[in-house]
Amino acid sequence: MQHYLDMLFYILKGLGIIIELYAVTAIFSIPLSILFALGKISKISLLKKSIGIYTWAFRGTPLLLQLFFVYYGLPYFGIKLSPFVAASITFILNYSAYLTEIVRAGIESIDKGQYEAAKVLGMGYWKTMIRIILPQTLKRVLPPFSNEAITLVKDSALISVIGLSEILRNSKEIVTREFSVMPFVIAAIIYLVITSLIVVVFKKLEKKILIL
């Protein structure tokens, strides 16, 4: 029993880096996605095209390839980043691209009459967005945001390829040393617990937002 507990504690050492990466990605990608979504629906052609190319590139290429490019590729251009900073930048840019399209679709799903009503009340564009459109958009995009939040936990396993010791990397070390699949089972249970907690949190958020 003690052996399995030691195994569990060693694997859980990788949880800290996942929480840090998760927090950094969420804190930066959500506001960025809102700004990019507003830029994508703006009337400024160059801005729309630039953001369109950005979302096309990051949604159309594997996250692992992006991670390799930022960590191993940028040094060729004189930019050397630590593993965690490289992972953070990659995840923020990748998830911002996906969330941008989700927010954009949410904004465009709001009835045009809302804009007209706000205009009649004398509200400008930004006031309309902040007070009327974005709060309604939040309600509509919460379910797909929940899916991305779960995917983020699973994608965090990719950071092991640049040397960061997260849950999967730690479990693989034990598997290699002891020739046992039990570490993978423990890692799977940990991931399931984390994703289940995220589902619960988002369900509560959806209920609270529906009441508002």
C-alpha atoms as a PDB file:
ATOM      1  CA  MET A   1       0.000   0.000   0.000  1.00  0.00           C
ATOM      2  CA  GLN A   2       2.804   2.398   0.933  1.00  0.00           C
ATOM      3  CA  HIS A   3       4.418   1.726  -2.445  1.00  0.00           C
ATOM      4  CA  TYR A   4       1.286   2.889  -4.287  1.00  0.00           C
ATOM      5  CA  LEU A   5       1.015   5.964  -2.073  1.00  0.00           C
ATOM      6  CA  ASP A   6       4.616   6.881  -2.845  1.00  0.00           C
ATOM      7  CA  MET A   7       3.847   6.374  -6.503  1.00  0.00           C
ATOM      8  CA  LEU A   8       0.779   8.610  -6.252  1.00  0.00           C
ATOM      9  CA  PHE A   9       2.656  11.403  -4.457  1.00  0.00           C
ATOM     10  CA  TYR A  10       5.453  11.334  -7.023  1.00  0.00           C
ATOM     11  CA  ILE A  11       2.998  11.569  -9.916  1.00  0.00           C
ATOM     12  CA  LEU A  12       1.116  14.374  -8.142  1.00  0.00           C
ATOM     13  CA  LYS A  13       4.319  16.428  -8.060  1.00  0.00           C
ATOM     14  CA  GLY A  14       3.526  17.200 -11.681  1.00  0.00           C
ATOM     15  CA  LEU A  15       0.146  18.677 -10.768  1.00  0.00           C
ATOM     16  CA  GLY A  16       1.642  22.013  -9.722  1.00  0.00           C
ATOM     17  CA  ILE A  17       3.017  22.812 -13.171  1.00  0.00           C
ATOM     18  CA  ILE A  18      -0.330  21.931 -14.752  1.00  0.00           C
ATOM     19  CA  ILE A  19      -2.212  24.256 -12.398  1.00  0.00           C
ATOM     20  CA  GLU A  20       0.247  27.080 -13.129  1.00  0.00           C
ATOM     21  CA  LEU A  21      -0.023  26.602 -16.897  1.00  0.00           C
ATOM     22  CA  TYR A  22      -3.804  26.296 -16.662  1.00  0.00           C
ATOM     23  CA  ALA A  23      -4.104  29.529 -14.686  1.00  0.00           C
ATOM     24  CA  VAL A  24      -1.771  31.513 -16.951  1.00  0.00           C
ATOM     25  CA  THR A  25      -3.542  30.275 -20.097  1.00  0.00           C
ATOM     26  CA  ALA A  26      -6.996  31.105 -18.734  1.00  0.00           C
ATOM     27  CA  ILE A  27      -6.023  34.536 -17.391  1.00  0.00           C
ATOM     28  CA  PHE A  28      -4.553  35.698 -20.700  1.00  0.00           C
ATOM     29  CA  SER A  29      -6.444  33.763 -23.387  1.00  0.00           C
ATOM     30  CA  ILE A  30      -9.974  34.752 -22.294  1.00  0.00           C
ATOM     31  CA  PRO A  31      -9.516  38.563 -22.461  1.00  0.00           C
ATOM     32  CA  LEU A  32      -7.386  38.207 -25.604  1.00  0.00           C
ATOM     33  CA  SER A  33     -10.068  36.123 -27.304  1.00  0.00           C
ATOM     34  CA  ILE A  34     -12.695  38.771 -26.542  1.00  0.00           C
ATOM     35  CA  LEU A  35     -10.500  41.516 -28.011  1.00  0.00           C
ATOM     36  CA  PHE A  36      -9.654  39.410 -31.067  1.00  0.00           C
ATOM     37  CA  ALA A  37     -13.310  38.501 -31.576  1.00  0.00           C
ATOM     38  CA  LEU A  38     -14.271  42.181 -31.502  1.00  0.00           C
ATOM     39  CA  GLY A  39     -11.471  42.860 -33.974  1.00  0.00           C
ATOM     40  CA  LYS A  40     -12.665  40.095 -36.260  1.00  0.00           C
ATOM     41  CA  ILE A  41     -16.179  41.543 -36.490  1.00  0.00           C
ATOM     42  CA  SER A  42     -14.942  45.111 -36.861  1.00  0.00           C
ATOM     43  CA  LYS A  43     -15.127  47.110 -40.074  1.00  0.00           C
ATOM     44  CA  ILE A  44     -11.335  47.505 -40.254  1.00  0.00           C
ATOM     45  CA  SER A  45     -10.369  45.206 -43.116  1.00  0.00           C
ATOM     46  CA  LEU A  46      -6.665  44.865 -42.251  1.00  0.00           C
ATOM     47  CA  LEU A  47      -7.465  44.010 -38.626  1.00  0.00           C
ATOM     48  CA  LYS A  48     -10.055  41.415 -39.634  1.00  0.00           C
ATOM     49  CA  LYS A  49      -7.672  39.768 -42.109  1.00  0.00           C
ATOM     50  CA  SER A  50      -4.757  39.759 -39.657  1.00  0.00           C
ATOM     51  CA  ILE A  51      -6.805  38.100 -36.916  1.00  0.00           C
ATOM     52  CA  GLY A  52      -8.279  35.729 -39.488  1.00  0.00           C
ATOM     53  CA  ILE A  53      -4.801  34.582 -40.536  1.00  0.00           C
ATOM     54  CA  TYR A  54      -3.800  34.178 -36.877  1.00  0.00           C
ATOM     55  CA  THR A  55      -6.814  32.011 -35.992  1.00  0.00           C
ATOM     56  CA  TRP A  56      -6.444  30.032 -39.225  1.00  0.00           C
ATOM     57  CA  ALA A  57      -2.777  29.276 -38.507  1.00  0.00           C
ATOM     58  CA  PHE A  58      -3.157  28.293 -34.863  1.00  0.00           C
ATOM     59  CA  ARG A  59      -6.347  26.291 -35.313  1.00  0.00           C
ATOM     60  CA  GLY A  60      -5.009  24.558 -38.404  1.00  0.00           C
ATOM     61  CA  THR A  61      -1.707  23.291 -37.004  1.00  0.00           C
ATOM     62  CA  PRO A  62      -1.065  20.841 -34.137  1.00  0.00           C
ATOM     63  CA  LEU A  63      -0.451  22.296 -30.701  1.00  0.00           C
ATOM     64  CA  LEU A  64       2.574  20.017 -30.372  1.00  0.00           C
ATOM     65  CA  LEU A  65       4.120  21.498 -33.528  1.00  0.00           C
ATOM     66  CA  GLN A  66       3.521  25.016 -32.197  1.00  0.00           C
ATOM     67  CA  LEU A  67       5.179  24.046 -28.927  1.00  0.00           C
ATOM     68  CA  PHE A  68       8.211  22.703 -30.784  1.00  0.00           C
ATOM     69  CA  PHE A  69       8.460  25.864 -32.867  1.00  0.00           C
ATOM     70  CA  VAL A  70       8.311  28.237 -29.887  1.00  0.00           C
ATOM     71  CA  TYR A  71      10.763  26.262 -27.750  1.00  0.00           C
ATOM     72  CA  TYR A  72      13.151  24.813 -30.346  1.00  0.00           C
ATOM     73  CA  GLY A  73      12.546  27.100 -33.335  1.00  0.00           C
ATOM     74  CA  LEU A  74      12.684  30.587 -31.849  1.00  0.00           C
ATOM     75  CA  PRO A  75      16.309  30.176 -30.638  1.00  0.00           C
ATOM     76  CA  TYR A  76      17.319  30.206 -34.329  1.00  0.00           C
ATOM     77  CA  PHE A  77      16.026  33.793 -34.377  1.00  0.00           C
ATOM     78  CA  GLY A  78      17.885  34.687 -31.189  1.00  0.00           C
ATOM     79  CA  ILE A  79      14.865  34.201 -28.887  1.00  0.00           C
ATOM     80  CA  LYS A  80      15.509  31.624 -26.170  1.00  0.00           C
ATOM     81  CA  LEU A  81      12.736  30.913 -23.686  1.00  0.00           C
ATOM     82  CA  SER A  82      12.510  28.755 -20.583  1.00  0.00           C
ATOM     83  CA  PRO A  83      10.334  25.637 -20.946  1.00  0.00           C
ATOM     84  CA  PHE A  84       7.502  27.094 -18.862  1.00  0.00           C
ATOM     85  CA  VAL A  85       7.486  30.463 -20.651  1.00  0.00           C
ATOM     86  CA  ALA A  86       7.542  28.705 -24.035  1.00  0.00           C
ATOM     87  CA  ALA A  87       4.653  26.469 -22.987  1.00  0.00           C
ATOM     88  CA  SER A  88       2.682  29.436 -21.619  1.00  0.00           C
ATOM     89  CA  ILE A  89       3.079  31.511 -24.784  1.00  0.00           C
ATOM     90  CA  THR A  90       2.156  28.557 -26.995  1.00  0.00           C
ATOM     91  CA  PHE A  91      -0.926  27.623 -24.988  1.00  0.00           C
ATOM     92  CA  ILE A  92      -2.117  31.237 -24.718  1.00  0.00           C
ATOM     93  CA  LEU A  93      -1.833  31.797 -28.469  1.00  0.00           C
ATOM     94  CA  ASN A  94      -3.397  28.442 -29.316  1.00  0.00           C
ATOM     95  CA  TYR A  95      -6.350  28.713 -26.949  1.00  0.00           C
ATOM     96  CA  SER A  96      -6.914  32.374 -27.752  1.00  0.00           C
ATOM     97  CA  ALA A  97      -7.361  31.355 -31.394  1.00  0.00           C
ATOM     98  CA  TYR A  98     -10.013  28.758 -30.557  1.00  0.00           C
ATOM     99  CA  LEU A  99     -11.790  30.961 -28.028  1.00  0.00           C
ATOM    100  CA  THR A 100     -11.767  33.887 -30.482  1.00  0.00           C
ATOM    101  CA  GLU A 101     -13.924  31.912 -32.904  1.00  0.00           C
ATOM    102  CA  ILE A 102     -16.239  30.813 -30.099  1.00  0.00           C
ATOM    103  CA  VAL A 103     -16.705  34.381 -28.840  1.00  0.00           C
ATOM    104  CA  ARG A 104     -17.110  35.715 -32.386  1.00  0.00           C
ATOM    105  CA  ALA A 105     -19.848  33.179 -33.108  1.00  0.00           C
ATOM    106  CA  GLY A 106     -21.488  34.069 -29.793  1.00  0.00           C
ATOM    107  CA  ILE A 107     -21.487  37.790 -30.561  1.00  0.00           C
ATOM    108  CA  GLU A 108     -22.844  37.252 -34.059  1.00  0.00           C
ATOM    109  CA  SER A 109     -25.649  35.065 -32.678  1.00  0.00           C
ATOM    110  CA  ILE A 110     -27.096  38.019 -30.742  1.00  0.00           C
ATOM    111  CA  ASP A 111     -30.140  39.472 -32.458  1.00  0.00           C
ATOM    112  CA  LYS A 112     -29.435  42.683 -34.417  1.00  0.00           C
ATOM    113  CA  GLY A 113     -32.422  44.269 -32.700  1.00  0.00           C
ATOM    114  CA  GLN A 114     -30.304  44.482 -29.534  1.00  0.00           C
ATOM    115  CA  TYR A 115     -27.916  46.867 -31.284  1.00  0.00           C
ATOM    116  CA  GLU A 116     -30.778  48.963 -32.651  1.00  0.00           C
ATOM    117  CA  ALA A 117     -32.429  49.190 -29.235  1.00  0.00           C
ATOM    118  CA  ALA A 118     -29.137  50.284 -27.671  1.00  0.00           C
ATOM    119  CA  LYS A 119     -28.700  52.902 -30.368  1.00  0.00           C
ATOM    120  CA  VAL A 120     -32.168  54.292 -29.647  1.00  0.00           C
ATOM    121  CA  LEU A 121     -31.168  54.574 -25.984  1.00  0.00           C
ATOM    122  CA  GLY A 122     -28.161  56.638 -27.014  1.00  0.00           C
ATOM    123  CA  MET A 123     -25.515  54.003 -26.311  1.00  0.00           C
ATOM    124  CA  GLY A 124     -22.281  54.013 -28.293  1.00  0.00           C
ATOM    125  CA  TYR A 125     -20.629  50.907 -29.772  1.00  0.00           C
ATOM    126  CA  TRP A 126     -18.401  50.051 -26.809  1.00  0.00           C
ATOM    127  CA  LYS A 127     -21.076  50.758 -24.219  1.00  0.00           C
ATOM    128  CA  THR A 128     -23.466  48.498 -26.148  1.00  0.00           C
ATOM    129  CA  MET A 129     -20.873  45.743 -26.294  1.00  0.00           C
ATOM    130  CA  ILE A 130     -19.899  45.904 -22.622  1.00  0.00           C
ATOM    131  CA  ARG A 131     -23.378  46.325 -21.134  1.00  0.00           C
ATOM    132  CA  ILE A 132     -25.619  44.406 -23.518  1.00  0.00           C
ATOM    133  CA  ILE A 133     -23.891  42.188 -26.091  1.00  0.00           C
ATOM    134  CA  LEU A 134     -20.973  40.640 -24.169  1.00  0.00           C
ATOM    135  CA  PRO A 135     -23.024  39.620 -21.076  1.00  0.00           C
ATOM    136  CA  GLN A 136     -25.470  37.776 -23.346  1.00  0.00           C
ATOM    137  CA  THR A 137     -22.597  36.297 -25.328  1.00  0.00           C
ATOM    138  CA  LEU A 138     -21.060  34.924 -22.124  1.00  0.00           C
ATOM    139  CA  LYS A 139     -24.207  32.910 -21.428  1.00  0.00           C
ATOM    140  CA  ARG A 140     -24.113  31.388 -24.904  1.00  0.00           C
ATOM    141  CA  VAL A 141     -20.417  30.552 -25.052  1.00  0.00           C
ATOM    142  CA  LEU A 142     -20.097  29.000 -21.596  1.00  0.00           C
ATOM    143  CA  PRO A 143     -20.761  25.385 -22.775  1.00  0.00           C
ATOM    144  CA  PRO A 144     -18.066  25.486 -25.509  1.00  0.00           C
ATOM    145  CA  PHE A 145     -15.755  27.265 -23.052  1.00  0.00           C
ATOM    146  CA  SER A 146     -16.284  24.315 -20.727  1.00  0.00           C
ATOM    147  CA  ASN A 147     -15.150  21.921 -23.458  1.00  0.00           C
ATOM    148  CA  GLU A 148     -12.008  23.974 -24.061  1.00  0.00           C
ATOM    149  CA  ALA A 149     -11.308  24.059 -20.315  1.00  0.00           C
ATOM    150  CA  ILE A 150     -11.384  20.257 -20.220  1.00  0.00           C
ATOM    151  CA  THR A 151      -9.242  19.967 -23.353  1.00  0.00           C
ATOM    152  CA  LEU A 152      -6.676  22.295 -21.774  1.00  0.00           C
ATOM    153  CA  VAL A 153      -6.117  19.842 -18.925  1.00  0.00           C
ATOM    154  CA  LYS A 154      -5.493  16.994 -21.362  1.00  0.00           C
ATOM    155  CA  ASP A 155      -3.309  19.100 -23.664  1.00  0.00           C
ATOM    156  CA  SER A 156      -1.085  19.996 -20.724  1.00  0.00           C
ATOM    157  CA  ALA A 157       0.445  16.514 -21.039  1.00  0.00           C
ATOM    158  CA  LEU A 158       2.224  17.773 -24.180  1.00  0.00           C
ATOM    159  CA  ILE A 159       4.582  19.978 -22.174  1.00  0.00           C
ATOM    160  CA  SER A 160       6.552  16.888 -21.176  1.00  0.00           C
ATOM    161  CA  VAL A 161       8.205  16.981 -24.633  1.00  0.00           C
ATOM    162  CA  ILE A 162      10.118  20.133 -23.666  1.00  0.00           C
ATOM    163  CA  GLY A 163      11.268  18.763 -20.335  1.00  0.00           C
ATOM    164  CA  LEU A 164       8.575  19.912 -17.930  1.00  0.00           C
ATOM    165  CA  SER A 165       7.726  17.331 -15.272  1.00  0.00           C
ATOM    166  CA  GLU A 166       3.956  17.066 -15.317  1.00  0.00           C
ATOM    167  CA  ILE A 167       1.687  14.151 -14.373  1.00  0.00           C
ATOM    168  CA  LEU A 168       2.189  12.037 -17.501  1.00  0.00           C
ATOM    169  CA  ARG A 169       5.959  12.492 -17.578  1.00  0.00           C
ATOM    170  CA  ASN A 170       6.268  11.491 -13.923  1.00  0.00           C
ATOM    171  CA  SER A 171       4.097   8.424 -14.448  1.00  0.00           C
ATOM    172  CA  LYS A 172       6.166   7.403 -17.509  1.00  0.00           C
ATOM    173  CA  GLU A 173       9.332   7.580 -15.414  1.00  0.00           C
ATOM    174  CA  ILE A 174       7.889   5.080 -12.954  1.00  0.00           C
ATOM    175  CA  VAL A 175       6.643   2.822 -15.768  1.00  0.00           C
ATOM    176  CA  THR A 176      10.130   2.776 -17.295  1.00  0.00           C
ATOM    177  CA  ARG A 177      11.736   2.042 -13.933  1.00  0.00           C
ATOM    178  CA  GLU A 178       9.312  -0.568 -12.601  1.00  0.00           C
ATOM    179  CA  PHE A 179       7.779  -2.046 -15.769  1.00  0.00           C
ATOM    180  CA  SER A 180       4.280  -1.546 -14.377  1.00  0.00           C
ATOM    181  CA  VAL A 181       1.215   0.049 -15.991  1.00  0.00           C
ATOM    182  CA  MET A 182      -0.194   1.098 -12.615  1.00  0.00           C
ATOM    183  CA  PRO A 183       1.309   4.637 -12.873  1.00  0.00           C
ATOM    184  CA  PHE A 184      -0.686   5.183 -16.067  1.00  0.00           C
ATOM    185  CA  VAL A 185      -3.844   4.046 -14.287  1.00  0.00           C
ATOM    186  CA  ILE A 186      -3.149   6.482 -11.452  1.00  0.00           C
ATOM    187  CA  ALA A 187      -2.458   9.293 -13.955  1.00  0.00           C
ATOM    188  CA  ALA A 188      -5.730   8.531 -15.757  1.00  0.00           C
ATOM    189  CA  ILE A 189      -7.659   8.709 -12.474  1.00  0.00           C
ATOM    190  CA  ILE A 190      -6.032  12.055 -11.620  1.00  0.00           C
ATOM    191  CA  TYR A 191      -6.983  13.483 -15.018  1.00  0.00           C
ATOM    192  CA  LEU A 192     -10.541  12.201 -14.614  1.00  0.00           C
ATOM    193  CA  VAL A 193     -10.848  13.809 -11.185  1.00  0.00           C
ATOM    194  CA  ILE A 194      -9.552  17.161 -12.475  1.00  0.00           C
ATOM    195  CA  THR A 195     -11.828  17.198 -15.534  1.00  0.00           C
ATOM    196  CA  SER A 196     -14.811  16.125 -13.420  1.00  0.00           C
ATOM    197  CA  LEU A 197     -14.196  19.069 -11.075  1.00  0.00           C
ATOM    198  CA  ILE A 198     -14.086  21.422 -14.056  1.00  0.00           C
ATOM    199  CA  VAL A 199     -17.399  20.046 -15.330  1.00  0.00           C
ATOM    200  CA  VAL A 200     -18.982  20.617 -11.905  1.00  0.00           C
ATOM    201  CA  VAL A 201     -17.644  24.191 -11.725  1.00  0.00           C
ATOM    202  CA  PHE A 202     -18.955  25.075 -15.183  1.00  0.00           C
ATOM    203  CA  LYS A 203     -22.362  23.530 -14.474  1.00  0.00           C
ATOM    204  CA  LYS A 204     -22.667  25.721 -11.388  1.00  0.00           C
ATOM    205  CA  LEU A 205     -21.572  28.749 -13.402  1.00  0.00           C
ATOM    206  CA  GLU A 206     -24.195  28.002 -16.064  1.00  0.00           C
ATOM    207  CA  LYS A 207     -26.916  27.799 -13.414  1.00  0.00           C
ATOM    208  CA  LYS A 208     -25.844  31.082 -11.809  1.00  0.00           C
ATOM    209  CA  ILE A 209     -25.652  32.877 -15.145  1.00  0.00           C
ATOM    210  CA  LEU A 210     -29.074  31.618 -16.187  1.00  0.00           C
ATOM    211  CA  ILE A 211     -30.518  33.121 -12.998  1.00  0.00           C
ATOM    212  CA  LEU A 212     -29.002  36.548 -13.728  1.00  0.00           C
END
